[in-house]
């Protein structure tokens, strides 16, 4: 899957999916609809993502995701 390089970040598969959509500029509401979960579940995933990646903002998390996606060869 296109999220595969993100798995090495140590997130759960669902949080990884949420991060992939976040990196594509989706809102929490969009991500909730795509994943078939509530917005509060998306927020929990984002807190997990921010904690694991050591970031505090959506932008920083997106940057980390894009870095991971662009370093597929490693």
N, C-alpha and C. Protein backbone atom coordinates (compact mmCIF):
# COMPACT_ATOMS: atom_id res chain seq x y z
N UNK A 1 0.84 -1.20 0.00
CA UNK A 1 0.00 0.00 0.00
C UNK A 1 0.87 1.25 0.00
N UNK A 2 0.28 2.37 -0.35
CA UNK A 2 1.05 3.60 -0.40
C UNK A 2 1.45 4.08 1.00
N UNK A 3 0.79 3.55 2.03
CA UNK A 3 1.13 3.94 3.41
C UNK A 3 2.30 3.13 3.95
N UNK A 4 2.74 2.12 3.21
CA UNK A 4 3.74 1.19 3.73
C UNK A 4 4.99 1.86 4.31
N UNK A 5 5.58 2.87 3.63
CA UNK A 5 6.78 3.50 4.22
C UNK A 5 6.51 4.16 5.57
N UNK A 6 5.25 4.48 5.84
CA UNK A 6 4.91 5.12 7.11
C UNK A 6 4.88 4.13 8.26
N UNK A 7 4.77 2.84 7.96
CA UNK A 7 4.69 1.84 9.02
C UNK A 7 5.96 1.83 9.86
N UNK A 8 7.09 2.22 9.27
CA UNK A 8 8.35 2.22 10.02
C UNK A 8 8.39 3.32 11.08
N UNK A 9 7.40 4.21 11.08
CA UNK A 9 7.34 5.26 12.10
C UNK A 9 6.84 4.72 13.43
N UNK A 10 6.38 3.46 13.44
CA UNK A 10 5.98 2.82 14.68
C UNK A 10 4.55 3.09 15.11
N UNK A 11 3.72 3.55 14.18
CA UNK A 11 2.32 3.82 14.49
C UNK A 11 1.47 2.59 14.25
N UNK A 12 0.27 2.58 14.82
CA UNK A 12 -0.67 1.50 14.52
C UNK A 12 -1.09 1.62 13.06
N UNK A 13 -1.58 0.54 12.47
CA UNK A 13 -2.03 0.61 11.07
C UNK A 13 -3.09 1.70 10.85
N UNK A 14 -4.02 1.87 11.79
CA UNK A 14 -5.06 2.88 11.63
C UNK A 14 -4.49 4.29 11.75
N UNK A 15 -3.59 4.49 12.71
CA UNK A 15 -2.96 5.80 12.86
C UNK A 15 -2.13 6.11 11.62
N UNK A 16 -1.52 5.07 11.05
CA UNK A 16 -0.73 5.24 9.82
C UNK A 16 -1.63 5.71 8.68
N UNK A 17 -2.82 5.10 8.57
CA UNK A 17 -3.77 5.52 7.54
C UNK A 17 -4.20 6.96 7.76
N UNK A 18 -4.47 7.30 9.02
CA UNK A 18 -4.88 8.67 9.35
C UNK A 18 -3.78 9.66 8.97
N UNK A 19 -2.53 9.28 9.26
CA UNK A 19 -1.40 10.15 8.92
C UNK A 19 -1.29 10.34 7.41
N UNK A 20 -1.52 9.27 6.67
CA UNK A 20 -1.46 9.36 5.20
C UNK A 20 -2.47 10.38 4.69
N UNK A 21 -3.69 10.33 5.21
CA UNK A 21 -4.72 11.29 4.79
C UNK A 21 -4.43 12.69 5.29
N UNK A 22 -3.90 12.78 6.52
CA UNK A 22 -3.50 14.08 7.07
C UNK A 22 -2.47 14.74 6.15
N UNK A 23 -1.51 13.93 5.70
CA UNK A 23 -0.44 14.44 4.83
C UNK A 23 -0.99 14.91 3.48
N UNK A 24 -2.18 14.45 3.13
CA UNK A 24 -2.80 14.87 1.88
C UNK A 24 -3.74 16.06 2.09
N UNK A 25 -3.67 16.64 3.30
CA UNK A 25 -4.43 17.85 3.56
C UNK A 25 -5.88 17.65 3.98
N UNK A 26 -6.22 16.42 4.34
CA UNK A 26 -7.60 16.16 4.76
C UNK A 26 -7.86 16.69 6.16
N UNK A 27 -9.09 17.13 6.40
CA UNK A 27 -9.49 17.58 7.74
C UNK A 27 -9.81 16.36 8.61
N UNK A 28 -9.94 16.59 9.92
CA UNK A 28 -10.34 15.50 10.82
C UNK A 28 -11.66 14.90 10.36
N UNK A 29 -12.59 15.77 9.94
CA UNK A 29 -13.89 15.31 9.48
C UNK A 29 -13.76 14.44 8.24
N UNK A 30 -12.91 14.86 7.29
CA UNK A 30 -12.66 14.07 6.08
C UNK A 30 -12.09 12.71 6.45
N UNK A 31 -11.08 12.72 7.31
CA UNK A 31 -10.40 11.48 7.70
C UNK A 31 -11.39 10.54 8.39
N UNK A 32 -12.24 11.09 9.25
CA UNK A 32 -13.26 10.28 9.94
C UNK A 32 -14.17 9.60 8.93
N UNK A 33 -14.62 10.34 7.92
CA UNK A 33 -15.49 9.77 6.88
C UNK A 33 -14.77 8.68 6.09
N UNK A 34 -13.53 8.95 5.71
CA UNK A 34 -12.76 7.99 4.91
C UNK A 34 -12.53 6.70 5.68
N UNK A 35 -12.17 6.83 6.97
CA UNK A 35 -11.86 5.64 7.78
C UNK A 35 -13.10 5.00 8.39
N UNK A 36 -14.24 5.70 8.30
CA UNK A 36 -15.46 5.15 8.88
C UNK A 36 -15.45 5.16 10.40
N UNK A 37 -14.86 6.21 10.97
CA UNK A 37 -14.79 6.35 12.43
C UNK A 37 -15.29 7.74 12.80
N UNK A 38 -15.35 8.01 14.12
CA UNK A 38 -15.79 9.33 14.57
C UNK A 38 -14.61 10.30 14.55
N UNK A 39 -14.93 11.59 14.59
CA UNK A 39 -13.87 12.60 14.66
C UNK A 39 -13.07 12.44 15.94
N UNK A 40 -13.72 12.03 17.02
CA UNK A 40 -12.97 11.89 18.27
C UNK A 40 -11.95 10.75 18.15
N UNK A 41 -12.27 9.71 17.38
CA UNK A 41 -11.30 8.64 17.14
C UNK A 41 -10.13 9.18 16.32
N UNK A 42 -10.42 10.00 15.33
CA UNK A 42 -9.36 10.62 14.52
C UNK A 42 -8.45 11.46 15.43
N UNK A 43 -9.06 12.22 16.34
CA UNK A 43 -8.26 13.05 17.26
C UNK A 43 -7.35 12.19 18.12
N UNK A 44 -7.85 11.02 18.55
CA UNK A 44 -7.01 10.10 19.33
C UNK A 44 -5.84 9.62 18.49
N UNK A 45 -6.12 9.27 17.22
CA UNK A 45 -5.04 8.85 16.32
C UNK A 45 -4.01 9.97 16.17
N UNK A 46 -4.48 11.20 16.02
CA UNK A 46 -3.56 12.32 15.84
C UNK A 46 -2.71 12.55 17.08
N UNK A 47 -3.31 12.41 18.26
CA UNK A 47 -2.52 12.54 19.49
C UNK A 47 -1.44 11.46 19.54
N UNK A 48 -1.79 10.24 19.14
CA UNK A 48 -0.84 9.13 19.09
C UNK A 48 0.27 9.45 18.09
N UNK A 49 -0.13 9.94 16.92
CA UNK A 49 0.84 10.31 15.87
C UNK A 49 1.79 11.39 16.37
N UNK A 50 1.22 12.46 16.94
CA UNK A 50 2.05 13.56 17.42
C UNK A 50 3.04 13.07 18.49
N UNK A 51 2.54 12.23 19.40
CA UNK A 51 3.40 11.70 20.47
C UNK A 51 4.52 10.84 19.92
N UNK A 52 4.19 9.91 19.04
CA UNK A 52 5.19 9.00 18.48
C UNK A 52 6.22 9.73 17.63
N UNK A 53 5.76 10.74 16.88
CA UNK A 53 6.67 11.46 16.00
C UNK A 53 7.38 12.61 16.70
N UNK A 54 6.95 12.92 17.93
CA UNK A 54 7.58 14.01 18.68
C UNK A 54 7.30 15.37 18.06
N UNK A 55 6.07 15.54 17.54
CA UNK A 55 5.69 16.82 16.93
C UNK A 55 4.44 17.35 17.64
N UNK A 56 4.14 18.63 17.39
CA UNK A 56 2.99 19.24 18.06
C UNK A 56 1.93 19.76 17.10
N UNK A 57 2.22 19.77 15.81
CA UNK A 57 1.28 20.34 14.85
C UNK A 57 1.01 19.40 13.68
N UNK A 58 -0.11 19.63 13.01
CA UNK A 58 -0.45 18.87 11.81
C UNK A 58 0.63 19.05 10.75
N UNK A 59 1.12 20.29 10.63
CA UNK A 59 2.15 20.59 9.62
C UNK A 59 3.42 19.78 9.88
N UNK A 60 3.84 19.73 11.13
CA UNK A 60 5.05 18.99 11.47
C UNK A 60 4.85 17.49 11.23
N UNK A 61 3.66 16.98 11.56
CA UNK A 61 3.38 15.56 11.33
C UNK A 61 3.38 15.26 9.83
N UNK A 62 2.80 16.18 9.06
CA UNK A 62 2.77 16.03 7.60
C UNK A 62 4.20 16.00 7.04
N UNK A 63 5.03 16.90 7.54
CA UNK A 63 6.42 16.94 7.08
C UNK A 63 7.12 15.62 7.36
N UNK A 64 6.93 15.07 8.57
CA UNK A 64 7.55 13.78 8.91
C UNK A 64 7.03 12.67 8.00
N UNK A 65 5.74 12.70 7.71
CA UNK A 65 5.14 11.70 6.83
C UNK A 65 5.76 11.80 5.43
N UNK A 66 5.86 13.03 4.93
CA UNK A 66 6.41 13.21 3.58
C UNK A 66 7.87 12.80 3.53
N UNK A 67 8.61 13.07 4.59
CA UNK A 67 10.01 12.61 4.65
C UNK A 67 10.07 11.10 4.60
N UNK A 68 9.22 10.44 5.37
CA UNK A 68 9.21 8.97 5.39
C UNK A 68 8.82 8.42 4.01
N UNK A 69 7.84 9.04 3.39
CA UNK A 69 7.36 8.58 2.08
C UNK A 69 8.42 8.81 1.00
N UNK A 70 9.22 9.85 1.15
CA UNK A 70 10.22 10.13 0.11
C UNK A 70 11.50 9.32 0.31
N UNK A 71 11.63 8.67 1.46
CA UNK A 71 12.86 7.88 1.70
C UNK A 71 12.56 6.39 1.58
N UNK A 72 11.73 6.04 0.59
CA UNK A 72 11.33 4.65 0.38
C UNK A 72 12.51 3.71 0.20
N UNK A 73 13.58 4.23 -0.41
CA UNK A 73 14.70 3.36 -0.73
C UNK A 73 15.48 2.91 0.50
N UNK A 74 15.33 3.58 1.66
CA UNK A 74 16.11 3.20 2.84
C UNK A 74 15.60 1.93 3.47
